[in-house]
Amino acid sequence: MPHTSRERYAVVSCHVERPLDGAVWARFTELQEARPSGFIVAALMRPADPAFGEDEGAVWLARAREADSRGPLGHHTHWTAPDHARPSNAASNPPVTDGWKEPAARVLSEGRRLREQGLAPTVFCGGGWYTDVAVAETCAELGYVDCTPRASRPGYLAQGERWASLARPSMVELPSGRELLAVPTTHSLGDLLRALPGRRLPEVVHVYLHDTDLLDARRRLMLRTGLAVLAKRAQPTDLDALAAWGLRDLPRVAWDDVARL
């Protein structure tokens, strides 16, 4: 973490949901290589899903390694299908997912497979912002920093849909006794542009986008503009550096104070 007199830090992550799409991947590569306004963009990559005809072979693996060479590498899970981020019935208890007994089983299976491929993702984000205690325990087991918690409730969630709420990086104390470092996601591109004119920025700003956003010229402009202004108000860093810095003197919170319906 760089030493600076500024009291605010900022990171950027991208949910790489279409890593096998050549046009999308080209735009994401361009973003990572550009490091706009000094931001090293983390790649939270969705593993290929053979159940839906996606090939996890040479192309996917090569692209994951490319992303890893350019910044933090993360694991992003879609629970139901490549184009369906949340579990098929996330409000049930336990939640029902197609082909999986529980979401945690998918995270563990994917995480182990990534390691078998020689990858070492450091951060995690659940698709559709879904998490539960078993998923959180699995993230701790895999040694991930969890970016699934949000500073605000996603507006599209129906009543009873699970999510996790955190305002700032914290050490989450889990029922098993494990600890999970969480760096909440705080701003979409739209949220960032709405917040910048005032002074409504937290101590740690975590901006996220989707790789498909980069196909839209207007959203690319929003990203460049927002990050240029943000870099004047916060110290750009990256998720791995932030996590290393954040291991010191973090607030501690119980899982029950994070989990939300």
Protein backbone atom coordinates (compact mmCIF):
# COMPACT_ATOMS: atom_id res chain seq x y z
CA MET A 1 0.00 0.00 0.00
CA PRO A 2 1.61 3.30 -0.97
CA HIS A 3 2.27 5.82 1.74
CA THR A 4 0.21 8.95 1.20
CA SER A 5 -1.30 11.80 3.15
CA ARG A 6 -4.69 11.03 1.65
CA GLU A 7 -7.16 9.25 3.91
CA ARG A 8 -9.18 7.63 1.15
CA TYR A 9 -8.28 4.72 -1.14
CA ALA A 10 -9.94 3.39 -4.26
CA VAL A 11 -9.91 0.08 -6.16
CA VAL A 12 -11.60 -1.17 -9.33
CA SER A 13 -12.79 -4.67 -10.19
CA CYS A 14 -14.42 -6.08 -13.30
CA HIS A 15 -16.81 -9.03 -13.34
CA VAL A 16 -15.43 -10.93 -16.33
CA GLU A 17 -18.55 -12.87 -17.24
CA ARG A 18 -17.86 -13.53 -20.94
CA PRO A 19 -14.18 -14.47 -21.02
CA LEU A 20 -14.63 -16.62 -24.15
CA ASP A 21 -16.19 -13.80 -26.20
CA GLY A 22 -13.37 -12.38 -28.32
CA ALA A 23 -14.82 -8.87 -28.67
CA VAL A 24 -15.53 -8.56 -24.96
CA TRP A 25 -12.14 -9.95 -24.03
CA ALA A 26 -10.36 -7.49 -26.35
CA ARG A 27 -12.06 -4.55 -24.64
CA PHE A 28 -11.23 -5.91 -21.19
CA THR A 29 -7.59 -6.47 -22.17
CA GLU A 30 -7.45 -2.88 -23.40
CA LEU A 31 -8.81 -1.66 -20.06
CA GLN A 32 -6.37 -3.64 -17.93
CA GLU A 33 -3.39 -2.61 -20.04
CA ALA A 34 -4.40 1.07 -20.01
CA ARG A 35 -4.59 1.29 -16.19
CA PRO A 36 -6.90 4.33 -16.45
CA SER A 37 -5.88 7.10 -14.04
CA GLY A 38 -3.46 4.69 -12.37
CA PHE A 39 -6.03 2.01 -11.44
CA ILE A 40 -4.97 -1.63 -11.73
CA VAL A 41 -8.23 -3.40 -12.58
CA ALA A 42 -8.87 -6.74 -10.88
CA ALA A 43 -10.28 -9.51 -13.10
CA LEU A 44 -13.02 -11.40 -11.26
CA MET A 45 -13.36 -14.20 -13.80
CA ARG A 46 -16.26 -16.57 -14.18
CA PRO A 47 -14.97 -20.10 -14.80
CA ALA A 48 -16.09 -21.75 -18.01
CA ASP A 49 -19.13 -23.98 -17.48
CA PRO A 50 -18.91 -27.24 -19.49
CA ALA A 51 -22.54 -28.01 -18.57
CA PHE A 52 -23.51 -25.18 -20.93
CA GLY A 53 -21.08 -26.09 -23.69
CA GLU A 54 -18.29 -23.74 -22.59
CA ASP A 55 -14.72 -25.00 -23.07
CA GLU A 56 -12.48 -24.56 -20.04
CA GLY A 57 -9.46 -25.53 -22.13
CA ALA A 58 -6.64 -23.59 -23.71
CA VAL A 59 -8.40 -20.32 -24.57
CA TRP A 60 -10.03 -19.78 -21.17
CA LEU A 61 -6.89 -20.75 -19.28
CA ALA A 62 -4.64 -18.56 -21.42
CA ARG A 63 -6.90 -15.58 -20.87
CA ALA A 64 -7.03 -16.17 -17.12
CA ARG A 65 -3.24 -16.22 -17.04
CA GLU A 66 -3.10 -13.02 -19.07
CA ALA A 67 -5.45 -11.31 -16.62
CA ASP A 68 -3.43 -12.62 -13.69
CA SER A 69 -0.28 -11.07 -15.16
CA ARG A 70 -1.94 -7.65 -15.32
CA GLY A 71 -3.53 -7.38 -11.89
CA PRO A 72 -5.36 -9.22 -9.11
CA LEU A 73 -7.16 -12.37 -10.23
CA GLY A 74 -10.54 -13.21 -8.75
CA HIS A 75 -13.17 -15.95 -8.84
CA HIS A 76 -16.70 -14.91 -9.86
CA THR A 77 -19.43 -17.55 -9.65
CA HIS A 78 -22.69 -17.64 -11.59
CA TRP A 79 -24.86 -20.03 -9.66
CA THR A 80 -27.40 -21.19 -12.24
CA ALA A 81 -26.10 -20.54 -15.77
CA PRO A 82 -23.61 -18.33 -17.63
CA ASP A 83 -26.38 -15.75 -18.13
CA HIS A 84 -28.14 -16.30 -14.78
CA ALA A 85 -26.01 -15.03 -11.90
CA ARG A 86 -28.14 -15.79 -8.83
CA PRO A 87 -29.29 -19.20 -7.60
CA SER A 88 -32.49 -20.34 -9.27
CA ASN A 89 -34.38 -19.92 -6.00
CA ALA A 90 -32.15 -17.87 -3.75
CA ALA A 91 -34.97 -17.12 -1.31
CA SER A 92 -35.46 -20.79 -0.37
CA ASN A 93 -33.78 -22.30 2.68
CA PRO A 94 -31.46 -23.85 1.72
CA PRO A 95 -31.32 -22.17 -1.69
CA VAL A 96 -31.91 -24.38 -4.72
CA THR A 97 -29.51 -24.27 -7.66
CA ASP A 98 -29.62 -26.24 -10.88
CA GLY A 99 -27.26 -29.20 -10.63
CA TRP A 100 -25.80 -28.28 -7.23
CA LYS A 101 -26.92 -29.24 -3.73
CA GLU A 102 -25.85 -25.87 -2.40
CA PRO A 103 -24.02 -22.78 -3.65
CA ALA A 104 -21.02 -23.47 -1.38
CA ALA A 105 -20.41 -26.74 -3.22
CA ARG A 106 -20.04 -24.84 -6.48
CA VAL A 107 -17.59 -22.35 -5.01
CA LEU A 108 -15.46 -25.13 -3.54
CA SER A 109 -15.53 -27.19 -6.73
CA GLU A 110 -14.64 -24.23 -8.94
CA GLY A 111 -11.99 -22.97 -6.52
CA ARG A 112 -10.26 -26.35 -6.42
CA ARG A 113 -10.43 -26.65 -10.19
CA LEU A 114 -8.82 -23.24 -10.62
CA ARG A 115 -5.95 -24.38 -8.42
CA GLU A 116 -5.58 -27.58 -10.43
CA GLN A 117 -5.13 -25.37 -13.48
CA GLY A 118 -2.26 -23.55 -11.78
CA LEU A 119 -4.24 -20.40 -10.95
CA ALA A 120 -4.34 -18.76 -7.53
CA PRO A 121 -7.27 -16.34 -7.34
CA THR A 122 -7.15 -14.09 -4.32
CA VAL A 123 -10.62 -12.49 -4.30
CA PHE A 124 -14.19 -13.68 -4.73
CA CYS A 125 -17.54 -12.20 -5.68
CA GLY A 126 -20.78 -14.14 -5.82
CA GLY A 127 -22.90 -13.66 -8.92
CA GLY A 128 -25.89 -11.40 -8.37
CA TRP A 129 -24.34 -10.48 -5.00
CA TYR A 130 -25.57 -13.80 -3.58
CA THR A 131 -23.91 -15.27 -0.50
CA ASP A 132 -24.82 -17.29 2.55
CA VAL A 133 -22.93 -18.55 5.59
CA ALA A 134 -21.76 -21.73 3.84
CA VAL A 135 -20.43 -19.71 0.91
CA ALA A 136 -18.63 -17.37 3.32
CA GLU A 137 -17.11 -20.35 5.15
CA THR A 138 -15.94 -21.77 1.82
CA CYS A 139 -14.35 -18.45 0.85
CA ALA A 140 -12.45 -18.48 4.13
CA GLU A 141 -11.36 -22.08 3.49
CA LEU A 142 -10.05 -21.11 0.04
CA GLY A 143 -8.23 -18.07 1.44
CA TYR A 144 -10.24 -15.55 -0.57
CA VAL A 145 -10.90 -11.91 0.17
CA ASP A 146 -14.66 -11.58 -0.26
CA CYS A 147 -16.02 -8.69 -2.34
CA THR A 148 -19.61 -9.95 -2.34
CA PRO A 149 -20.78 -7.69 0.52
CA ARG A 150 -22.25 -4.42 -0.64
CA ALA A 151 -22.38 -0.98 0.91
CA SER A 152 -26.02 -0.71 -0.24
CA ARG A 153 -28.74 -3.19 -1.12
CA PRO A 154 -28.95 -4.02 -4.84
CA GLY A 155 -32.15 -2.40 -6.02
CA TYR A 156 -33.30 -5.33 -8.17
CA LEU A 157 -33.42 -7.89 -5.36
CA ALA A 158 -36.85 -9.21 -4.45
CA GLN A 159 -38.03 -9.51 -0.86
CA GLY A 160 -36.22 -12.35 0.90
CA GLU A 161 -33.25 -12.46 -1.49
CA ARG A 162 -29.99 -12.96 0.38
CA TRP A 163 -27.14 -10.48 0.27
CA ALA A 164 -24.42 -9.20 2.61
CA SER A 165 -24.04 -5.66 3.90
CA LEU A 166 -20.77 -3.93 4.88
CA ALA A 167 -19.83 -0.27 4.80
CA ARG A 168 -16.04 -0.70 4.96
CA PRO A 169 -13.36 -3.41 4.84
CA SER A 170 -13.79 -5.67 7.85
CA MET A 171 -12.80 -8.99 9.31
CA VAL A 172 -15.95 -11.11 9.41
CA GLU A 173 -16.10 -13.63 12.24
CA LEU A 174 -17.81 -16.79 10.99
CA PRO A 175 -19.74 -19.35 13.07
CA SER A 176 -17.00 -21.97 12.59
CA GLY A 177 -14.42 -19.70 14.19
CA ARG A 178 -12.85 -18.87 10.82
CA GLU A 179 -12.23 -15.27 9.82
CA LEU A 180 -12.99 -13.82 6.39
CA LEU A 181 -11.50 -10.56 5.17
CA ALA A 182 -14.22 -8.69 3.25
CA VAL A 183 -13.73 -5.64 1.04
CA PRO A 184 -17.24 -4.48 0.15
CA THR A 185 -18.20 -3.33 -3.31
CA THR A 186 -19.40 0.25 -2.96
CA HIS A 187 -20.08 1.81 -6.38
CA SER A 188 -21.30 0.90 -9.83
CA LEU A 189 -20.30 3.31 -12.60
CA GLY A 190 -23.57 5.19 -12.21
CA ASP A 191 -23.21 5.30 -8.42
CA LEU A 192 -19.71 6.72 -8.78
CA LEU A 193 -20.72 9.53 -11.11
CA ARG A 194 -23.63 10.46 -8.85
CA ALA A 195 -21.39 10.50 -5.75
CA LEU A 196 -18.42 12.44 -7.11
CA PRO A 197 -19.97 15.95 -7.25
CA GLY A 198 -20.50 15.84 -3.48
CA ARG A 199 -18.38 14.41 -0.71
CA ARG A 200 -20.28 11.16 -0.23
CA LEU A 201 -17.34 8.81 -0.62
CA PRO A 202 -16.33 6.21 1.95
CA GLU A 203 -12.82 5.66 3.27
CA VAL A 204 -12.37 2.83 0.75
CA VAL A 205 -14.13 3.17 -2.61
CA HIS A 206 -14.57 -0.07 -4.55
CA VAL A 207 -15.87 0.55 -8.07
CA TYR A 208 -17.09 -2.40 -10.12
CA LEU A 209 -18.17 -2.93 -13.70
CA HIS A 210 -19.02 -5.82 -16.00
CA ASP A 211 -16.87 -6.74 -18.97
CA THR A 212 -19.89 -6.30 -21.24
CA ASP A 213 -20.11 -2.63 -20.15
CA LEU A 214 -16.96 -2.09 -22.18
CA LEU A 215 -18.79 -2.76 -25.44
CA ASP A 216 -20.75 0.46 -24.93
CA ALA A 217 -18.86 3.66 -25.86
CA ARG A 218 -20.95 5.72 -23.46
CA ARG A 219 -20.12 3.46 -20.53
CA ARG A 220 -16.43 3.44 -21.44
CA LEU A 221 -16.55 7.24 -21.29
CA MET A 222 -18.35 7.09 -17.93
CA LEU A 223 -15.59 4.83 -16.61
CA ARG A 224 -12.72 7.01 -17.83
CA THR A 225 -14.37 10.19 -16.57
CA GLY A 226 -15.33 8.75 -13.21
CA LEU A 227 -11.91 7.25 -12.52
CA ALA A 228 -10.11 10.44 -13.54
CA VAL A 229 -12.09 12.43 -10.97
CA LEU A 230 -11.89 9.67 -8.35
CA ALA A 231 -8.08 9.55 -8.64
CA LYS A 232 -8.00 13.20 -7.53
CA ARG A 233 -9.99 12.39 -4.40
CA ALA A 234 -8.58 9.00 -3.44
CA GLN A 235 -5.33 7.10 -3.74
CA PRO A 236 -5.61 4.50 -6.54
CA THR A 237 -4.50 1.05 -5.45
CA ASP A 238 -5.60 -2.52 -6.18
CA LEU A 239 -7.46 -5.23 -4.30
CA ASP A 240 -4.38 -7.31 -3.45
CA ALA A 241 -2.47 -4.31 -2.11
CA LEU A 242 -5.53 -3.13 -0.22
CA ALA A 243 -6.03 -6.57 1.34
CA ALA A 244 -2.42 -6.70 2.50
CA TRP A 245 -2.76 -3.26 4.04
CA GLY A 246 -6.19 -4.02 5.41
CA LEU A 247 -5.03 -7.01 7.45
CA ARG A 248 -3.90 -4.50 10.05
CA ASP A 249 -6.31 -2.96 12.55
CA LEU A 250 -9.61 -3.84 10.88
CA PRO A 251 -13.01 -3.65 12.55
CA ARG A 252 -14.36 -7.09 13.43
CA VAL A 253 -17.99 -7.97 12.76
CA ALA A 254 -20.03 -11.12 13.29
CA TRP A 255 -21.54 -12.90 10.29
CA ASP A 256 -25.05 -12.32 11.66
CA ASP A 257 -24.41 -8.57 11.46
CA VAL A 258 -23.44 -8.87 7.78
CA ALA A 259 -26.05 -11.28 6.40
CA ARG A 260 -29.23 -9.66 5.07
CA LEU A 261 -32.55 -10.66 3.53
